[in-house]
Amino acid sequence: MNSVISNIGISLDGFVAGPNQSVQNPLGEGGERLHEWMFGTGTWRGDGSPRTADDDVADEIVGGMGAFIMGRNMFGGGRGPWEGTWRGWWGENPPYHGPVFVLTHHEREPLEMEGGTTFFFVTDGVESALKQARAAAGDANISVAGGAKVVQQFLAAGWLDELNLHVAPIVLGSGERLLENVGDPVLEPVRVIASPKVTHIRYRVVR
C-alpha cells in the first residue's frame, strides 16, 4: 500500500507563502526565501557540487514518488478559466517525471511535458484526485506537493500519512499559513535533520 506524503517549506511563524501572492510573484513577498536551501543544493543546480544533507532531502522529495497532487495556484496561470498557453512554472522539463494531478474548477486537456511529466486537471475534488493518483502510482508513494489549502484538506480528512516540514530560519509576518482548519491531527516526529539554511522535520500522522 502506498503512503501519502507532503513536503513543504515553512517559516518559523508558520507561513508557506508570503503576503501579496500574484501570478508574477507566486510565493508572495519574501516567500522565495523559504526555498533557498533547495536552490543551493547540487541536486537542484545539477552542477556536481559536493553533496550535503540538504541534497539527500531534496532527492527524497521527488525520488520514488509514483504520482503528485497539487492545487491550481501551485501550478499557476491564474485562478479563473484557462487562458493562453500556460504550462507551469518549471519550463518544458518539470522535476516531477510522472503523473501530476492538478486540482482546478476549470476543465483542461492533459498536458504532456518532457521527462515523463504529464499534468492531469481534476475538476471533481480532492478525493477524486487521490483516487486517480493511487491508480497511477501503483505501489509507489504519492506526494501532496501543495499549496497550503491542499495540504490542509488532506490533513483534515485524515488522508496524509507523513508531513515533512522544511523550516527556514525566517519570519514572514503574514501570508498563507499552513496549519489552519486541519482539525486536531497527532503529529509524531520521527526524524530531524539540521543544516545552516533549514531544519527538516519528518512527522508521522498518527490516526
C-alpha atoms as a PDB file:
ATOM      1  CA  MET A   1       0.000   0.000   0.000  1.00  0.00           C
ATOM      2  CA  ASN A   2       1.418   3.379  -0.938  1.00  0.00           C
ATOM      3  CA  SER A   3       1.858   6.242   1.509  1.00  0.00           C
ATOM      4  CA  VAL A   4       0.617   9.790   1.013  1.00  0.00           C
ATOM      5  CA  ILE A   5       3.411  12.244   1.833  1.00  0.00           C
ATOM      6  CA  SER A   6       3.711  16.012   1.831  1.00  0.00           C
ATOM      7  CA  ASN A   7       6.894  18.091   1.746  1.00  0.00           C
ATOM      8  CA  ILE A   8       6.501  21.813   2.238  1.00  0.00           C
ATOM      9  CA  GLY A   9       8.720  24.756   3.162  1.00  0.00           C
ATOM     10  CA  ILE A  10       7.558  26.834   6.117  1.00  0.00           C
ATOM     11  CA  SER A  11       8.734  29.887   8.050  1.00  0.00           C
ATOM     12  CA  LEU A  12       9.333  29.984  11.793  1.00  0.00           C
ATOM     13  CA  ASP A  13       5.992  31.742  12.203  1.00  0.00           C
ATOM     14  CA  GLY A  14       4.078  29.125  10.235  1.00  0.00           C
ATOM     15  CA  PHE A  15       3.695  30.570   6.718  1.00  0.00           C
ATOM     16  CA  VAL A  16       4.298  28.678   3.472  1.00  0.00           C
ATOM     17  CA  ALA A  17       3.979  31.797   1.305  1.00  0.00           C
ATOM     18  CA  GLY A  18       4.404  35.476   1.961  1.00  0.00           C
ATOM     19  CA  PRO A  19       1.797  38.225   1.591  1.00  0.00           C
ATOM     20  CA  ASN A  20       0.509  39.596  -1.722  1.00  0.00           C
ATOM     21  CA  GLN A  21       0.797  36.474  -3.874  1.00  0.00           C
ATOM     22  CA  SER A  22       0.284  37.063  -7.598  1.00  0.00           C
ATOM     23  CA  VAL A  23       0.968  35.447 -10.968  1.00  0.00           C
ATOM     24  CA  GLN A  24       4.166  37.493 -11.107  1.00  0.00           C
ATOM     25  CA  ASN A  25       5.092  36.666  -7.503  1.00  0.00           C
ATOM     26  CA  PRO A  26       3.509  33.271  -6.721  1.00  0.00           C
ATOM     27  CA  LEU A  27       5.233  32.792  -3.351  1.00  0.00           C
ATOM     28  CA  GLY A  28       4.360  36.285  -2.128  1.00  0.00           C
ATOM     29  CA  GLU A  29       6.720  38.846  -0.670  1.00  0.00           C
ATOM     30  CA  GLY A  30       9.716  37.070   0.822  1.00  0.00           C
ATOM     31  CA  GLY A  31       8.350  33.627   0.030  1.00  0.00           C
ATOM     32  CA  GLU A  32      11.270  32.565  -2.144  1.00  0.00           C
ATOM     33  CA  ARG A  33      13.479  32.639   0.957  1.00  0.00           C
ATOM     34  CA  LEU A  34      11.629  29.530   2.159  1.00  0.00           C
ATOM     35  CA  HIS A  35      13.308  27.537  -0.600  1.00  0.00           C
ATOM     36  CA  GLU A  36      16.827  28.996  -0.650  1.00  0.00           C
ATOM     37  CA  TRP A  37      18.105  25.774   0.916  1.00  0.00           C
ATOM     38  CA  MET A  38      16.833  23.825  -2.098  1.00  0.00           C
ATOM     39  CA  PHE A  39      18.178  26.280  -4.675  1.00  0.00           C
ATOM     40  CA  GLY A  40      21.604  25.944  -3.077  1.00  0.00           C
ATOM     41  CA  THR A  41      21.882  22.184  -3.492  1.00  0.00           C
ATOM     42  CA  GLY A  42      23.842  20.459  -6.216  1.00  0.00           C
ATOM     43  CA  THR A  43      20.713  18.349  -6.747  1.00  0.00           C
ATOM     44  CA  TRP A  44      18.829  21.476  -7.842  1.00  0.00           C
ATOM     45  CA  ARG A  45      21.665  23.137  -9.755  1.00  0.00           C
ATOM     46  CA  GLY A  46      22.908  19.944 -11.369  1.00  0.00           C
ATOM     47  CA  ASP A  47      26.479  21.238 -11.280  1.00  0.00           C
ATOM     48  CA  GLY A  48      28.212  18.441  -9.401  1.00  0.00           C
ATOM     49  CA  SER A  49      28.650  20.424  -6.180  1.00  0.00           C
ATOM     50  CA  PRO A  50      29.664  18.413  -3.086  1.00  0.00           C
ATOM     51  CA  ARG A  51      26.644  16.712  -1.580  1.00  0.00           C
ATOM     52  CA  THR A  52      25.173  17.817   1.733  1.00  0.00           C
ATOM     53  CA  ALA A  53      22.363  16.596   3.978  1.00  0.00           C
ATOM     54  CA  ASP A  54      20.107  19.027   2.105  1.00  0.00           C
ATOM     55  CA  ASP A  55      20.863  17.179  -1.149  1.00  0.00           C
ATOM     56  CA  ASP A  56      19.706  13.915   0.405  1.00  0.00           C
ATOM     57  CA  VAL A  57      16.430  15.530   1.459  1.00  0.00           C
ATOM     58  CA  ALA A  58      15.984  17.169  -1.954  1.00  0.00           C
ATOM     59  CA  ASP A  59      16.365  13.766  -3.597  1.00  0.00           C
ATOM     60  CA  GLU A  60      13.672  12.325  -1.336  1.00  0.00           C
ATOM     61  CA  ILE A  61      11.129  14.995  -2.231  1.00  0.00           C
ATOM     62  CA  VAL A  62      10.618  13.766  -5.784  1.00  0.00           C
ATOM     63  CA  GLY A  63      12.522  10.478  -5.821  1.00  0.00           C
ATOM     64  CA  GLY A  64      10.471   7.315  -5.699  1.00  0.00           C
ATOM     65  CA  MET A  65       7.123   9.077  -5.991  1.00  0.00           C
ATOM     66  CA  GLY A  66       4.580   7.437  -8.254  1.00  0.00           C
ATOM     67  CA  ALA A  67       2.252  10.426  -8.561  1.00  0.00           C
ATOM     68  CA  PHE A  68       1.831  14.009  -7.372  1.00  0.00           C
ATOM     69  CA  ILE A  69      -1.148  16.161  -6.354  1.00  0.00           C
ATOM     70  CA  MET A  70      -1.138  19.955  -6.334  1.00  0.00           C
ATOM     71  CA  GLY A  71      -3.525  22.884  -6.321  1.00  0.00           C
ATOM     72  CA  ARG A  72      -4.257  25.230  -9.192  1.00  0.00           C
ATOM     73  CA  ASN A  73      -2.314  28.077  -7.617  1.00  0.00           C
ATOM     74  CA  MET A  74       0.816  25.935  -7.330  1.00  0.00           C
ATOM     75  CA  PHE A  75       0.570  25.012 -11.000  1.00  0.00           C
ATOM     76  CA  GLY A  76      -0.136  28.674 -11.766  1.00  0.00           C
ATOM     77  CA  GLY A  77      -1.670  30.508 -14.678  1.00  0.00           C
ATOM     78  CA  GLY A  78      -4.227  32.489 -12.669  1.00  0.00           C
ATOM     79  CA  ARG A  79      -7.323  31.361 -10.823  1.00  0.00           C
ATOM     80  CA  GLY A  80     -10.051  31.677 -13.467  1.00  0.00           C
ATOM     81  CA  PRO A  81     -10.728  29.804 -16.710  1.00  0.00           C
ATOM     82  CA  TRP A  82      -7.604  28.670 -18.520  1.00  0.00           C
ATOM     83  CA  GLU A  83      -6.291  31.277 -20.912  1.00  0.00           C
ATOM     84  CA  GLY A  84      -3.349  31.252 -23.282  1.00  0.00           C
ATOM     85  CA  THR A  85      -0.752  28.502 -23.222  1.00  0.00           C
ATOM     86  CA  TRP A  86       0.340  28.398 -19.567  1.00  0.00           C
ATOM     87  CA  ARG A  87       2.451  25.273 -18.997  1.00  0.00           C
ATOM     88  CA  GLY A  88       3.562  25.664 -15.376  1.00  0.00           C
ATOM     89  CA  TRP A  89       6.483  27.363 -13.648  1.00  0.00           C
ATOM     90  CA  TRP A  90       9.145  24.765 -14.412  1.00  0.00           C
ATOM     91  CA  GLY A  91       9.879  25.004 -18.144  1.00  0.00           C
ATOM     92  CA  GLU A  92       9.457  22.183 -20.608  1.00  0.00           C
ATOM     93  CA  ASN A  93      11.069  19.547 -18.364  1.00  0.00           C
ATOM     94  CA  PRO A  94       9.402  19.806 -14.906  1.00  0.00           C
ATOM     95  CA  PRO A  95      11.068  18.000 -11.991  1.00  0.00           C
ATOM     96  CA  TYR A  96       8.229  15.524 -11.380  1.00  0.00           C
ATOM     97  CA  HIS A  97       8.851  12.940 -14.118  1.00  0.00           C
ATOM     98  CA  GLY A  98       5.492  11.287 -13.507  1.00  0.00           C
ATOM     99  CA  PRO A  99       1.755  11.993 -13.416  1.00  0.00           C
ATOM    100  CA  VAL A 100       0.694  15.202 -11.636  1.00  0.00           C
ATOM    101  CA  PHE A 101      -2.959  15.759 -10.723  1.00  0.00           C
ATOM    102  CA  VAL A 102      -3.852  19.450 -10.561  1.00  0.00           C
ATOM    103  CA  LEU A 103      -6.978  20.456  -8.631  1.00  0.00           C
ATOM    104  CA  THR A 104      -8.975  23.080 -10.512  1.00  0.00           C
ATOM    105  CA  HIS A 105     -12.538  24.232 -11.159  1.00  0.00           C
ATOM    106  CA  HIS A 106     -11.893  24.555 -14.891  1.00  0.00           C
ATOM    107  CA  GLU A 107     -11.517  21.708 -17.379  1.00  0.00           C
ATOM    108  CA  ARG A 108      -8.394  21.320 -19.447  1.00  0.00           C
ATOM    109  CA  GLU A 109      -6.925  18.518 -21.544  1.00  0.00           C
ATOM    110  CA  PRO A 110      -3.918  16.651 -20.095  1.00  0.00           C
ATOM    111  CA  LEU A 111      -0.608  18.391 -20.699  1.00  0.00           C
ATOM    112  CA  GLU A 112       2.356  16.188 -21.634  1.00  0.00           C
ATOM    113  CA  MET A 113       5.810  17.591 -20.927  1.00  0.00           C
ATOM    114  CA  GLU A 114       9.381  16.418 -21.400  1.00  0.00           C
ATOM    115  CA  GLY A 115      10.918  13.934 -18.987  1.00  0.00           C
ATOM    116  CA  GLY A 116       7.760  11.903 -18.417  1.00  0.00           C
ATOM    117  CA  THR A 117       5.695  14.542 -16.608  1.00  0.00           C
ATOM    118  CA  THR A 118       2.004  14.742 -17.544  1.00  0.00           C
ATOM    119  CA  PHE A 119      -0.351  17.193 -15.828  1.00  0.00           C
ATOM    120  CA  PHE A 120      -3.939  15.977 -15.423  1.00  0.00           C
ATOM    121  CA  PHE A 121      -6.539  18.558 -14.451  1.00  0.00           C
ATOM    122  CA  VAL A 122      -9.073  17.306 -11.890  1.00  0.00           C
ATOM    123  CA  THR A 123     -12.358  19.194 -11.533  1.00  0.00           C
ATOM    124  CA  ASP A 124     -14.300  16.880  -9.210  1.00  0.00           C
ATOM    125  CA  GLY A 125     -12.448  17.393  -5.957  1.00  0.00           C
ATOM    126  CA  VAL A 126      -9.641  16.229  -3.717  1.00  0.00           C
ATOM    127  CA  GLU A 127     -10.952  12.725  -3.130  1.00  0.00           C
ATOM    128  CA  SER A 128     -11.135  12.124  -6.877  1.00  0.00           C
ATOM    129  CA  ALA A 129      -7.570  13.389  -7.290  1.00  0.00           C
ATOM    130  CA  LEU A 130      -6.366  10.976  -4.603  1.00  0.00           C
ATOM    131  CA  LYS A 131      -8.197   8.066  -6.216  1.00  0.00           C
ATOM    132  CA  GLN A 132      -6.669   8.841  -9.609  1.00  0.00           C
ATOM    133  CA  ALA A 133      -3.210   9.300  -8.082  1.00  0.00           C
ATOM    134  CA  ARG A 134      -3.429   5.934  -6.306  1.00  0.00           C
ATOM    135  CA  ALA A 135      -4.391   4.234  -9.564  1.00  0.00           C
ATOM    136  CA  ALA A 136      -1.493   5.882 -11.393  1.00  0.00           C
ATOM    137  CA  ALA A 137       1.111   5.308  -8.662  1.00  0.00           C
ATOM    138  CA  GLY A 138       0.592   1.581  -8.153  1.00  0.00           C
ATOM    139  CA  ASP A 139       2.675   0.599  -5.124  1.00  0.00           C
ATOM    140  CA  ALA A 140       4.773   3.792  -5.171  1.00  0.00           C
ATOM    141  CA  ASN A 141       4.147   6.695  -2.820  1.00  0.00           C
ATOM    142  CA  ILE A 142       2.062   9.779  -3.589  1.00  0.00           C
ATOM    143  CA  SER A 143       3.289  13.314  -2.971  1.00  0.00           C
ATOM    144  CA  VAL A 144       0.901  16.095  -1.974  1.00  0.00           C
ATOM    145  CA  ALA A 145       3.046  18.908  -3.316  1.00  0.00           C
ATOM    146  CA  GLY A 146       0.952  21.880  -2.151  1.00  0.00           C
ATOM    147  CA  GLY A 147      -0.095  24.528  -1.710  1.00  0.00           C
ATOM    148  CA  ALA A 148      -1.315  25.110   1.810  1.00  0.00           C
ATOM    149  CA  LYS A 149      -5.038  24.616   1.179  1.00  0.00           C
ATOM    150  CA  VAL A 150      -4.476  21.251  -0.476  1.00  0.00           C
ATOM    151  CA  VAL A 151      -2.307  20.019   2.405  1.00  0.00           C
ATOM    152  CA  GLN A 152      -4.922  21.297   4.856  1.00  0.00           C
ATOM    153  CA  GLN A 153      -7.644  19.278   3.147  1.00  0.00           C
ATOM    154  CA  PHE A 154      -5.579  16.105   3.284  1.00  0.00           C
ATOM    155  CA  LEU A 155      -4.740  16.590   6.966  1.00  0.00           C
ATOM    156  CA  ALA A 156      -8.348  17.391   7.892  1.00  0.00           C
ATOM    157  CA  ALA A 157      -9.648  14.338   6.021  1.00  0.00           C
ATOM    158  CA  GLY A 158      -7.061  12.007   7.580  1.00  0.00           C
ATOM    159  CA  TRP A 159      -5.557  11.066   4.210  1.00  0.00           C
ATOM    160  CA  LEU A 160      -1.980  12.186   4.890  1.00  0.00           C
ATOM    161  CA  ASP A 161       0.458   9.598   6.247  1.00  0.00           C
ATOM    162  CA  GLU A 162       3.553  11.755   6.553  1.00  0.00           C
ATOM    163  CA  LEU A 163       4.222  15.503   6.769  1.00  0.00           C
ATOM    164  CA  ASN A 164       7.724  16.822   6.130  1.00  0.00           C
ATOM    165  CA  LEU A 165       8.247  20.437   7.176  1.00  0.00           C
ATOM    166  CA  HIS A 166      11.350  22.219   5.894  1.00  0.00           C
ATOM    167  CA  VAL A 167      11.638  25.049   8.420  1.00  0.00           C
ATOM    168  CA  ALA A 168      13.551  28.066   7.131  1.00  0.00           C
ATOM    169  CA  PRO A 169      15.002  30.392   9.821  1.00  0.00           C
ATOM    170  CA  ILE A 170      12.970  33.382   8.652  1.00  0.00           C
ATOM    171  CA  VAL A 171       9.906  35.272   9.865  1.00  0.00           C
ATOM    172  CA  LEU A 172       7.426  36.350   7.162  1.00  0.00           C
ATOM    173  CA  GLY A 173       4.953  38.077   9.484  1.00  0.00           C
ATOM    174  CA  SER A 174       1.924  37.333   7.299  1.00  0.00           C
ATOM    175  CA  GLY A 175       0.910  35.378   4.233  1.00  0.00           C
ATOM    176  CA  GLU A 176      -0.523  31.897   3.763  1.00  0.00           C
ATOM    177  CA  ARG A 177      -0.477  29.909   6.989  1.00  0.00           C
ATOM    178  CA  LEU A 178      -0.242  26.117   6.791  1.00  0.00           C
ATOM    179  CA  LEU A 179      -1.745  24.646   9.955  1.00  0.00           C
ATOM    180  CA  GLU A 180      -5.224  26.150   9.920  1.00  0.00           C
ATOM    181  CA  ASN A 181      -8.527  24.310   9.526  1.00  0.00           C
ATOM    182  CA  VAL A 182      -6.871  20.909   9.883  1.00  0.00           C
ATOM    183  CA  GLY A 183      -8.713  19.587  12.939  1.00  0.00           C
ATOM    184  CA  ASP A 184      -6.507  18.072  15.627  1.00  0.00           C
ATOM    185  CA  PRO A 185      -4.056  15.719  13.907  1.00  0.00           C
ATOM    186  CA  VAL A 186      -1.484  13.923  16.030  1.00  0.00           C
ATOM    187  CA  LEU A 187       1.963  14.522  14.534  1.00  0.00           C
ATOM    188  CA  GLU A 188       4.728  12.226  15.759  1.00  0.00           C
ATOM    189  CA  PRO A 189       8.256  13.479  14.965  1.00  0.00           C
ATOM    190  CA  VAL A 190      10.365  10.653  13.582  1.00  0.00           C
ATOM    191  CA  ARG A 191      13.384  12.461  12.099  1.00  0.00           C
ATOM    192  CA  VAL A 192      15.151  15.819  12.341  1.00  0.00           C
ATOM    193  CA  ILE A 193      17.972  16.915  10.020  1.00  0.00           C
ATOM    194  CA  ALA A 194      19.540  20.341  10.529  1.00  0.00           C
ATOM    195  CA  SER A 195      21.715  22.397   8.224  1.00  0.00           C
ATOM    196  CA  PRO A 196      22.749  26.083   8.264  1.00  0.00           C
ATOM    197  CA  LYS A 197      19.832  27.038   5.986  1.00  0.00           C
ATOM    198  CA  VAL A 198      16.950  24.853   7.126  1.00  0.00           C
ATOM    199  CA  THR A 199      15.702  22.271   9.621  1.00  0.00           C
ATOM    200  CA  HIS A 200      13.960  19.257   8.099  1.00  0.00           C
ATOM    201  CA  ILE A 201      11.370  17.647  10.390  1.00  0.00           C
ATOM    202  CA  ARG A 202       9.533  14.480   9.391  1.00  0.00           C
ATOM    203  CA  TYR A 203       6.238  13.806  11.158  1.00  0.00           C
ATOM    204  CA  ARG A 204       4.194  10.640  11.027  1.00  0.00           C
ATOM    205  CA  VAL A 205       0.476  11.438  11.071  1.00  0.00           C
ATOM    206  CA  VAL A 206      -0.959   9.154  13.739  1.00  0.00           C
ATOM    207  CA  ARG A 207      -4.560   8.016  13.340  1.00  0.00           C
END
